[in-house]
Amino acid sequence: MIVAISRFRAPPEEADGWVQRLQERSRRVDGYAGFLGLEVLRSFERSPEILLVTRWTDREAMKAYFQSEDFQRARGASASQEDASFALYEVVAT
C-alpha cells in the first residue's frame, strides 16, 4: 500500500474555509481504481497545519490518478499554497 501526504499551513483567517472546501470535495478521486481512502487532518495550532492523507493499492494506481484531469483540477485549487509539501510512503508494517 502507498500513502501520499500533502501538507500545508493555513493562515488563521483561511483555515475554516480550507476545511469546508475539503469537506465538500467533489469525491471524484473515490472512483479511481486502487484508491483506498482519504483523511483530512487539521492541527490545533493558531495557524493550523492541514494534511491530506490518501491511501492507494500501489504506485501505478496513484500515478494514473495523478495524470488525470481530475487531479489537475484539484491541484489547481490548492496551487496558492507556497509552503505545501508532498511525500510518498510505502506501508511496510501494520
Protein backbone atom coordinates (compact mmCIF):
# COMPACT_ATOMS: atom_id res chain seq x y z
CA MET A 1 0.00 0.00 0.00
CA ILE A 2 1.14 3.54 -0.78
CA VAL A 3 0.33 6.57 1.37
CA ALA A 4 0.63 10.07 -0.08
CA ILE A 5 0.66 13.04 2.30
CA SER A 6 0.21 16.65 1.25
CA ARG A 7 0.69 19.24 3.98
CA PHE A 8 0.42 22.99 4.25
CA ARG A 9 -0.22 25.67 6.83
CA ALA A 10 -3.38 27.72 6.62
CA PRO A 11 -3.45 31.30 7.90
CA PRO A 12 -5.89 31.51 10.84
CA GLU A 13 -8.40 33.56 8.84
CA GLU A 14 -8.42 30.99 5.99
CA ALA A 15 -8.33 27.72 7.94
CA ASP A 16 -12.10 27.27 8.29
CA GLY A 17 -12.58 27.96 4.58
CA TRP A 18 -9.98 25.34 3.65
CA VAL A 19 -11.57 22.78 5.93
CA GLN A 20 -15.01 23.49 4.49
CA ARG A 21 -13.77 23.14 0.89
CA LEU A 22 -12.09 19.85 1.73
CA GLN A 23 -15.24 18.56 3.45
CA GLU A 24 -17.24 19.49 0.34
CA ARG A 25 -14.73 17.98 -2.09
CA SER A 26 -16.02 16.54 -5.36
CA ARG A 27 -15.11 12.95 -4.40
CA ARG A 28 -14.04 12.20 -7.98
CA VAL A 29 -10.90 10.50 -6.70
CA ASP A 30 -13.10 7.98 -4.88
CA GLY A 31 -13.94 6.31 -8.21
CA TYR A 32 -10.35 5.69 -9.32
CA ALA A 33 -9.07 2.14 -9.40
CA GLY A 34 -6.74 1.49 -6.49
CA PHE A 35 -7.94 4.41 -4.35
CA LEU A 36 -8.43 3.23 -0.76
CA GLY A 37 -9.33 6.40 1.09
CA LEU A 38 -8.62 9.98 2.13
CA GLU A 39 -8.30 11.60 5.51
CA VAL A 40 -8.05 15.35 6.08
CA LEU A 41 -6.28 16.27 9.31
CA ARG A 42 -6.07 19.67 10.99
CA SER A 43 -3.70 20.52 13.85
CA PHE A 44 -4.82 22.52 16.87
CA GLU A 45 -2.40 25.41 16.31
CA ARG A 46 -3.48 29.00 15.68
CA SER A 47 -2.16 28.69 12.11
CA PRO A 48 -3.15 25.07 11.63
CA GLU A 49 -1.26 22.58 9.57
CA ILE A 50 -3.58 20.71 7.23
CA LEU A 51 -2.68 17.24 5.96
CA LEU A 52 -4.37 15.36 3.15
CA VAL A 53 -3.57 11.67 3.50
CA THR A 54 -4.52 9.40 0.61
CA ARG A 55 -4.07 5.65 0.50
CA TRP A 56 -3.55 3.64 -2.69
CA THR A 57 -3.16 -0.04 -3.50
CA ASP A 58 0.07 0.65 -5.42
CA ARG A 59 2.13 3.34 -7.14
CA GLU A 60 0.62 2.58 -10.55
CA ALA A 61 -2.91 3.35 -9.34
CA MET A 62 -1.76 6.57 -7.69
CA LYS A 63 0.20 7.59 -10.79
CA ALA A 64 -2.86 7.02 -13.01
CA TYR A 65 -4.85 9.44 -10.85
CA PHE A 66 -2.03 12.00 -10.77
CA GLN A 67 -2.03 12.02 -14.57
CA SER A 68 -5.80 12.60 -14.76
CA GLU A 69 -7.68 15.82 -15.47
CA ASP A 70 -9.48 15.39 -12.14
CA PHE A 71 -6.16 15.62 -10.29
CA GLN A 72 -5.06 18.64 -12.33
CA ARG A 73 -8.28 20.44 -11.32
CA ALA A 74 -7.84 19.52 -7.66
CA ARG A 75 -4.19 20.55 -7.74
CA GLY A 76 -5.05 23.90 -9.33
CA ALA A 77 -7.39 24.70 -6.45
CA SER A 78 -4.54 24.40 -3.95
CA ALA A 79 -1.75 25.91 -6.05
CA SER A 80 -1.74 29.06 -3.92
CA GLN A 81 -0.14 27.18 -1.00
CA GLU A 82 3.53 28.08 -1.46
CA ASP A 83 4.68 26.22 1.63
CA ALA A 84 2.94 22.98 0.66
CA SER A 85 4.91 19.75 0.78
CA PHE A 86 4.22 16.31 -0.59
CA ALA A 87 5.67 12.92 0.36
CA LEU A 88 5.08 9.28 -0.58
CA TYR A 89 5.38 6.37 1.79
CA GLU A 90 5.18 2.63 1.38
CA VAL A 91 3.39 0.81 4.18
CA VAL A 92 5.84 -1.84 5.36
CA ALA A 93 4.12 -2.97 8.57
CA THR A 94 0.81 -2.54 10.40
